Amino acid sequence: MRISGPLLTLATVGAVGAGVLAANVVLTAEPGTSVVEQATGLLALDQEVPGEAATDQPGAAGPAPADAVYEGRSAGDEVTVSITVSDGAATARVRGELLDTRADGEIDPSGRTVLTSSGGDRVEYSVQDGTAFGTVTGSGRSWPFSAAAADDPAPAAAASGGGY
């Protein structure tokens, strides 16, 4: 057997592997990130990727809008959640087969807001990218939920009972 056959096969497999790797790097590049930065990473840890703002924590919750309405459901569809934010205060209306409550409280500027009802039920949430994510606790149970911001807060608030 000649040595050129296996060497030719090895060279072909190597070339195909390099092509697949190059295509993967190019096709998975994030917008605004050069291919070289993605493939090699930033050379210095204190440098920022161009076009990205510095944040203390990736995906960190930012301040919620001054006036907003968030409408959503629990993960298992057991309760509906409606949160109305106005002038630094929030009111959550939670309705379901096992729980029907209204919780009120002040917006926490750090990002995590806790609302409580007179019966001890709690709604804890934070807002990320225009969606409220949190947990409703009441009647001895808890439900995780997500609630998207309503397109126009005024009609949504009126449709859900306004000031509750």
Protein backbone atom coordinates (compact mmCIF):
# COMPACT_ATOMS: atom_id res chain seq x y z
CA MET A 1 0.00 0.00 0.00
CA ARG A 2 1.22 3.45 -0.84
CA ILE A 3 1.60 6.15 1.80
CA SER A 4 0.02 8.83 -0.43
CA GLY A 5 -3.55 7.38 -0.14
CA PRO A 6 -3.93 7.75 3.64
CA LEU A 7 -2.14 11.12 3.63
CA LEU A 8 -4.47 12.45 0.93
CA THR A 9 -7.50 11.28 2.97
CA LEU A 10 -6.13 12.87 6.14
CA ALA A 11 -5.48 16.17 4.33
CA THR A 12 -9.02 16.17 2.88
CA VAL A 13 -10.63 15.54 6.29
CA GLY A 14 -8.50 18.32 7.81
CA ALA A 15 -9.56 20.79 5.10
CA VAL A 16 -13.25 19.94 5.53
CA GLY A 17 -12.95 20.31 9.33
CA ALA A 18 -11.31 23.73 8.96
CA GLY A 19 -14.07 24.82 6.58
CA VAL A 20 -16.81 23.71 8.97
CA LEU A 21 -15.11 25.52 11.86
CA ALA A 22 -14.76 28.74 9.84
CA ALA A 23 -18.42 28.58 8.73
CA ASN A 24 -19.55 28.01 12.33
CA VAL A 25 -17.62 31.04 13.60
CA VAL A 26 -18.94 33.30 10.83
CA LEU A 27 -22.57 32.16 11.03
CA THR A 28 -22.85 32.39 14.82
CA ALA A 29 -21.30 35.86 15.15
CA GLU A 30 -23.44 38.31 17.11
CA PRO A 31 -24.37 41.56 15.36
CA GLY A 32 -21.78 44.24 16.02
CA THR A 33 -19.07 41.72 16.92
CA SER A 34 -16.26 41.09 14.48
CA VAL A 35 -15.44 37.50 13.59
CA VAL A 36 -11.94 37.88 15.01
CA GLU A 37 -13.31 39.05 18.41
CA GLN A 38 -15.73 36.16 18.59
CA ALA A 39 -13.18 33.54 17.58
CA THR A 40 -10.39 34.73 19.86
CA GLY A 41 -12.22 36.68 22.58
CA LEU A 42 -11.17 40.10 23.76
CA LEU A 43 -7.46 40.37 24.35
CA ALA A 44 -7.79 42.42 27.52
CA LEU A 45 -10.40 41.74 30.18
CA ASP A 46 -11.17 45.41 30.77
CA GLN A 47 -12.14 46.10 27.15
CA GLU A 48 -15.77 46.30 26.08
CA VAL A 49 -17.21 44.87 22.90
CA PRO A 50 -17.84 47.79 20.53
CA GLY A 51 -21.50 48.78 20.38
CA GLU A 52 -22.40 47.26 23.76
CA ALA A 53 -23.02 49.31 26.87
CA ALA A 54 -21.32 48.26 30.08
CA THR A 55 -23.57 46.59 32.66
CA ASP A 56 -22.87 45.40 36.15
CA GLN A 57 -24.53 42.08 35.46
CA PRO A 58 -25.68 40.45 32.21
CA GLY A 59 -29.47 40.53 31.92
CA ALA A 60 -29.73 42.71 35.02
CA ALA A 61 -33.10 44.20 35.72
CA GLY A 62 -33.31 47.86 34.91
CA PRO A 63 -35.64 50.43 36.33
CA ALA A 64 -39.26 49.85 35.38
CA PRO A 65 -41.08 52.55 33.41
CA ALA A 66 -42.85 55.21 35.49
CA ASP A 67 -46.29 54.18 34.17
CA ALA A 68 -46.87 50.72 32.74
CA VAL A 69 -49.28 47.79 32.69
CA TYR A 70 -48.08 44.18 32.55
CA GLU A 71 -50.48 41.35 31.68
CA GLY A 72 -49.65 37.65 31.89
CA ARG A 73 -50.19 34.20 33.33
CA SER A 74 -48.46 31.72 35.57
CA ALA A 75 -46.27 29.07 33.99
CA GLY A 76 -48.95 26.37 34.43
CA ASP A 77 -51.82 28.75 33.54
CA GLU A 78 -53.28 28.52 37.08
CA VAL A 79 -53.56 32.30 37.64
CA THR A 80 -53.65 35.48 35.60
CA VAL A 81 -51.52 38.42 36.70
CA SER A 82 -52.10 42.10 35.93
CA ILE A 83 -49.62 44.64 37.31
CA THR A 84 -50.26 48.38 37.05
CA VAL A 85 -47.34 50.73 37.77
CA SER A 86 -47.97 54.43 38.35
CA ASP A 87 -46.02 57.17 40.15
CA GLY A 88 -43.61 54.84 41.95
CA ALA A 89 -46.31 52.48 43.21
CA ALA A 90 -47.59 49.19 41.85
CA THR A 91 -50.81 47.22 42.17
CA ALA A 92 -51.09 43.58 41.15
CA ARG A 93 -54.37 41.80 40.56
CA VAL A 94 -54.08 38.00 40.66
CA ARG A 95 -57.03 35.85 39.68
CA GLY A 96 -57.37 32.10 39.56
CA GLU A 97 -59.30 29.13 40.88
CA LEU A 98 -57.27 28.98 44.11
CA LEU A 99 -56.41 32.66 44.55
CA ASP A 100 -58.14 35.97 43.89
CA THR A 101 -56.23 38.87 45.45
CA ARG A 102 -54.95 42.39 45.07
CA ALA A 103 -51.47 43.29 46.28
CA ASP A 104 -49.99 46.79 46.56
CA GLY A 105 -46.59 48.27 47.24
CA GLU A 106 -43.85 50.68 46.27
CA ILE A 107 -41.51 50.12 43.31
CA ASP A 108 -38.02 49.13 44.45
CA PRO A 109 -35.39 51.09 42.47
CA SER A 110 -32.95 48.16 42.77
CA GLY A 111 -35.19 46.21 40.40
CA ARG A 112 -36.94 43.62 42.61
CA THR A 113 -40.41 44.74 43.72
CA VAL A 114 -42.47 43.01 46.42
CA LEU A 115 -46.21 43.67 46.65
CA THR A 116 -48.36 42.37 49.52
CA SER A 117 -52.08 41.99 50.09
CA SER A 118 -53.98 42.53 53.31
CA GLY A 119 -54.32 38.72 53.60
CA GLY A 120 -50.56 38.14 53.35
CA ASP A 121 -50.42 37.12 49.68
CA ARG A 122 -47.27 38.28 47.85
CA VAL A 123 -46.30 39.20 44.32
CA GLU A 124 -42.54 39.51 43.76
CA TYR A 125 -41.25 40.55 40.34
CA SER A 126 -38.58 42.32 38.36
CA VAL A 127 -38.76 43.79 34.86
CA GLN A 128 -36.36 42.68 32.14
CA ASP A 129 -36.64 43.79 28.52
CA GLY A 130 -40.22 45.03 28.95
CA THR A 131 -41.52 41.86 30.64
CA ALA A 132 -42.23 41.31 34.34
CA PHE A 133 -40.93 37.97 35.68
CA GLY A 134 -41.79 36.86 39.19
CA THR A 135 -43.65 34.68 41.65
CA VAL A 136 -47.12 34.87 43.16
CA THR A 137 -47.41 33.36 46.66
CA GLY A 138 -50.76 32.79 48.34
CA SER A 139 -53.17 30.15 49.64
CA GLY A 140 -50.17 28.05 50.69
CA ARG A 141 -48.85 27.78 47.12
CA SER A 142 -46.66 29.73 44.73
CA TRP A 143 -46.71 30.19 40.97
CA PRO A 144 -43.97 31.60 38.72
CA PHE A 145 -45.28 34.01 36.09
CA SER A 146 -44.32 36.26 33.23
CA ALA A 147 -46.29 39.31 32.16
CA ALA A 148 -45.60 41.33 29.02
CA ALA A 149 -45.98 45.09 28.91
CA ALA A 150 -49.25 46.20 27.37
CA ASP A 151 -48.83 48.20 24.16
CA ASP A 152 -50.93 51.09 25.48
CA PRO A 153 -51.23 51.18 29.31
CA ALA A 154 -54.36 53.35 29.48
CA PRO A 155 -56.79 51.02 27.63
CA ALA A 156 -55.31 47.94 29.33
CA ALA A 157 -55.81 49.48 32.78
CA ALA A 158 -59.38 50.46 31.95
CA ALA A 159 -60.17 46.97 30.59
CA SER A 160 -58.79 45.24 33.68
CA GLY A 161 -60.70 47.37 36.15
CA GLY A 162 -58.55 50.50 36.25
CA GLY A 163 -57.41 51.25 39.78
CA TYR A 164 -58.74 47.92 41.14
